[in-house]
Amino acid sequence: MKHLIALACAALSLAAAPSLAAESLTPEKSADIRKLMEATGALRIGQMVTQSAIGQISQALKTARPDLPDEAFTIVSEVSTKVVSEEMTAKGGYIEQMLPVFNKYLTHDEIRGLIGFYSTPLGKKAISVMPMMAQEGMQIGQRWAQSIAPKLDQRLKARFAERGIKIEPPAKQGGAAAPGTSAPAK
């Protein structure tokens, strides 16, 4: 998934440039899109989906039936791995659904260029560090958003007050306050 984020960022930066008329999705372009997805690790999304499914199913089973034998969890792992793998490459599966997305935003020449880039030492390094950069970036983004939330709240309330816009919900009958509001003074 994190590789997809990095790839999406690259695709968006290229898409922001003046684009050519949409190209048709030829078999050659499809093959190169698959190569690009492989080179960037985008196809590893199946592994992430598998691990997530195994974790969720196993946890639900452990909660519902703590007495299950270890064999049950081996079966969960085997079946999940097989189903996700089959569905990734199946007709209409994840890869086929992604082909038109790549086709929409990248020309065949751009796809070839990205394949070439991701084959270089710098491209390989970019692939290896992007997951950590994306994770750290998300953490920074969350902290930053939390840090500006009070200022945003304060300015919104001030602006609403200037315009006479009341954002507090009316108190319910019986003196109970709506969640997040104070009970009316008596």
Protein backbone atom coordinates (compact mmCIF):
# COMPACT_ATOMS: atom_id res chain seq x y z
CA MET A 1 0.00 0.00 0.00
CA LYS A 2 2.77 2.39 0.90
CA HIS A 3 4.42 1.71 -2.45
CA LEU A 4 1.12 2.55 -4.09
CA ILE A 5 1.13 5.90 -2.28
CA ALA A 6 4.61 6.65 -3.58
CA LEU A 7 3.64 5.53 -7.05
CA ALA A 8 0.46 7.57 -6.90
CA CYS A 9 2.48 10.65 -5.94
CA ALA A 10 4.78 10.08 -8.89
CA ALA A 11 1.80 9.55 -11.16
CA LEU A 12 0.10 12.70 -9.90
CA SER A 13 3.19 14.81 -10.43
CA LEU A 14 3.43 13.54 -13.98
CA ALA A 15 -0.31 13.98 -14.49
CA ALA A 16 -0.03 17.62 -13.42
CA ALA A 17 2.13 18.28 -16.49
CA PRO A 18 0.32 18.99 -19.73
CA SER A 19 -1.01 15.64 -20.80
CA LEU A 20 -1.46 14.12 -24.18
CA ALA A 21 -4.79 12.82 -25.39
CA ALA A 22 -5.67 9.58 -23.67
CA GLU A 23 -3.88 6.64 -25.20
CA SER A 24 -5.57 3.35 -25.79
CA LEU A 25 -4.61 0.54 -23.44
CA THR A 26 -2.71 -1.71 -25.82
CA PRO A 27 -1.43 -5.15 -24.85
CA GLU A 28 2.11 -3.73 -24.92
CA LYS A 29 1.20 -0.87 -22.59
CA SER A 30 -0.64 -3.28 -20.28
CA ALA A 31 2.46 -5.48 -20.10
CA ASP A 32 4.62 -2.47 -19.27
CA ILE A 33 2.17 -1.32 -16.59
CA ARG A 34 2.45 -4.77 -15.03
CA LYS A 35 6.26 -4.46 -15.16
CA LEU A 36 6.04 -1.07 -13.47
CA MET A 37 3.74 -2.42 -10.78
CA GLU A 38 6.17 -5.27 -10.17
CA ALA A 39 9.21 -2.96 -10.15
CA THR A 40 7.66 -0.60 -7.61
CA GLY A 41 6.37 -3.35 -5.34
CA ALA A 42 2.76 -2.28 -5.98
CA LEU A 43 1.82 -5.91 -6.41
CA ARG A 44 2.84 -6.55 -2.81
CA ILE A 45 -0.53 -5.11 -1.84
CA GLY A 46 -1.74 -8.69 -2.03
CA GLN A 47 0.66 -9.65 0.76
CA MET A 48 -0.60 -6.77 2.88
CA VAL A 49 -4.23 -7.71 2.24
CA THR A 50 -3.42 -11.32 3.08
CA GLN A 51 -1.71 -10.44 6.36
CA SER A 52 -4.57 -8.14 7.32
CA ALA A 53 -7.18 -10.79 6.51
CA ILE A 54 -5.28 -13.46 8.43
CA GLY A 55 -4.98 -11.18 11.45
CA GLN A 56 -8.63 -10.14 11.46
CA ILE A 57 -10.04 -13.62 10.86
CA SER A 58 -7.70 -15.20 13.40
CA GLN A 59 -8.55 -12.61 16.04
CA ALA A 60 -12.29 -13.08 15.46
CA LEU A 61 -11.88 -16.86 15.72
CA LYS A 62 -9.77 -16.62 18.89
CA THR A 63 -12.39 -14.37 20.48
CA ALA A 64 -15.31 -16.56 19.49
CA ARG A 65 -13.60 -19.91 19.99
CA PRO A 66 -10.45 -19.78 22.14
CA ASP A 67 -10.42 -23.58 22.18
CA LEU A 68 -9.71 -23.96 18.44
CA PRO A 69 -6.63 -26.03 17.55
CA ASP A 70 -3.61 -24.38 15.91
CA GLU A 71 -4.56 -26.20 12.71
CA ALA A 72 -7.52 -23.82 12.31
CA PHE A 73 -5.16 -20.85 12.11
CA THR A 74 -2.91 -22.66 9.65
CA ILE A 75 -5.98 -23.17 7.47
CA VAL A 76 -6.88 -19.47 7.76
CA SER A 77 -3.38 -18.56 6.57
CA GLU A 78 -3.32 -21.06 3.69
CA VAL A 79 -6.80 -20.21 2.40
CA SER A 80 -6.34 -16.45 2.75
CA THR A 81 -3.01 -16.56 0.89
CA LYS A 82 -4.47 -18.66 -1.93
CA VAL A 83 -7.65 -16.61 -2.39
CA VAL A 84 -5.88 -13.24 -2.39
CA SER A 85 -3.21 -14.50 -4.79
CA GLU A 86 -5.81 -15.90 -7.19
CA GLU A 87 -7.94 -12.78 -7.04
CA MET A 88 -5.00 -10.42 -7.63
CA THR A 89 -4.39 -11.91 -11.05
CA ALA A 90 -7.92 -13.10 -11.92
CA LYS A 91 -9.88 -11.61 -14.77
CA GLY A 92 -11.35 -8.43 -13.30
CA GLY A 93 -9.02 -8.71 -10.28
CA TYR A 94 -6.88 -6.03 -8.67
CA ILE A 95 -4.26 -5.87 -11.43
CA GLU A 96 -6.84 -5.59 -14.22
CA GLN A 97 -8.67 -2.91 -12.28
CA MET A 98 -5.45 -0.90 -11.89
CA LEU A 99 -4.47 -1.03 -15.58
CA PRO A 100 -6.98 1.68 -16.66
CA VAL A 101 -5.87 3.90 -13.76
CA PHE A 102 -2.24 3.80 -14.89
CA ASN A 103 -3.39 4.23 -18.49
CA LYS A 104 -5.44 7.29 -17.54
CA TYR A 105 -2.59 9.15 -15.85
CA LEU A 106 0.56 7.95 -17.60
CA THR A 107 1.52 7.71 -21.23
CA HIS A 108 3.30 4.61 -22.46
CA ASP A 109 6.54 6.60 -22.74
CA GLU A 110 6.16 7.77 -19.11
CA ILE A 111 5.57 4.20 -17.96
CA ARG A 112 8.70 3.07 -19.81
CA GLY A 113 10.62 5.96 -18.25
CA LEU A 114 9.45 4.99 -14.76
CA ILE A 115 10.39 1.35 -15.37
CA GLY A 116 13.84 2.57 -16.38
CA PHE A 117 14.10 4.84 -13.33
CA TYR A 118 13.03 2.15 -10.88
CA SER A 119 15.68 -0.14 -12.39
CA THR A 120 18.45 2.30 -11.41
CA PRO A 121 20.17 2.31 -8.00
CA LEU A 122 18.36 5.57 -7.15
CA GLY A 123 15.01 4.14 -8.19
CA LYS A 124 15.61 1.03 -6.13
CA LYS A 125 16.56 3.18 -3.15
CA ALA A 126 13.42 5.27 -3.62
CA ILE A 127 11.32 2.10 -3.52
CA SER A 128 13.09 0.87 -0.39
CA VAL A 129 12.76 4.13 1.59
CA MET A 130 9.30 5.27 0.44
CA PRO A 131 7.38 3.09 2.92
CA MET A 132 9.30 4.56 5.88
CA MET A 133 9.02 8.07 4.47
CA ALA A 134 5.28 7.62 3.94
CA GLN A 135 4.83 6.29 7.48
CA GLU A 136 6.82 9.12 9.04
CA GLY A 137 5.01 11.61 6.82
CA MET A 138 1.63 10.32 7.99
CA GLN A 139 2.73 10.63 11.63
CA ILE A 140 3.98 14.17 11.06
CA GLY A 141 0.75 15.01 9.23
CA GLN A 142 -1.36 13.71 12.10
CA ARG A 143 0.63 15.64 14.73
CA TRP A 144 0.56 18.77 12.58
CA ALA A 145 -3.20 18.51 12.04
CA GLN A 146 -3.70 18.08 15.79
CA SER A 147 -1.49 21.10 16.49
CA ILE A 148 -3.51 23.40 14.24
CA ALA A 149 -6.91 22.06 15.30
CA PRO A 150 -7.30 24.50 18.24
CA LYS A 151 -6.44 27.49 16.06
CA LEU A 152 -8.84 26.31 13.37
CA ASP A 153 -11.58 25.76 15.96
CA GLN A 154 -11.00 29.20 17.49
CA ARG A 155 -11.09 31.00 14.16
CA LEU A 156 -14.17 29.14 12.95
CA LYS A 157 -16.05 29.96 16.16
CA ALA A 158 -15.01 33.62 15.91
CA ARG A 159 -16.10 33.86 12.29
CA PHE A 160 -19.42 32.14 13.01
CA ALA A 161 -19.97 34.51 15.94
CA GLU A 162 -19.25 37.54 13.70
CA ARG A 163 -21.92 36.31 11.29
CA GLY A 164 -24.40 35.35 13.97
CA ILE A 165 -24.22 31.68 13.06
CA LYS A 166 -24.96 29.44 16.03
CA ILE A 167 -23.23 26.09 15.82
CA GLU A 168 -24.27 24.66 19.20
CA PRO A 169 -27.25 22.33 18.82
CA PRO A 170 -30.34 23.34 20.77
CA ALA A 171 -30.67 21.71 24.20
CA LYS A 172 -32.94 18.68 24.31
CA GLN A 173 -36.11 18.70 26.40
CA GLY A 174 -35.61 17.69 30.01
CA GLY A 175 -32.34 19.61 30.44
CA ALA A 176 -30.08 16.97 28.86
CA ALA A 177 -27.34 18.50 26.77
CA ALA A 178 -26.38 17.26 23.35
CA PRO A 179 -23.01 15.44 23.24
CA GLY A 180 -20.13 17.89 23.28
CA THR A 181 -22.22 20.76 24.68
CA SER A 182 -22.93 22.05 28.15
CA ALA A 183 -26.26 21.63 29.82
CA PRO A 184 -28.20 24.91 29.91
CA ALA A 185 -27.85 26.88 33.12
CA LYS A 186 -30.95 26.85 35.32
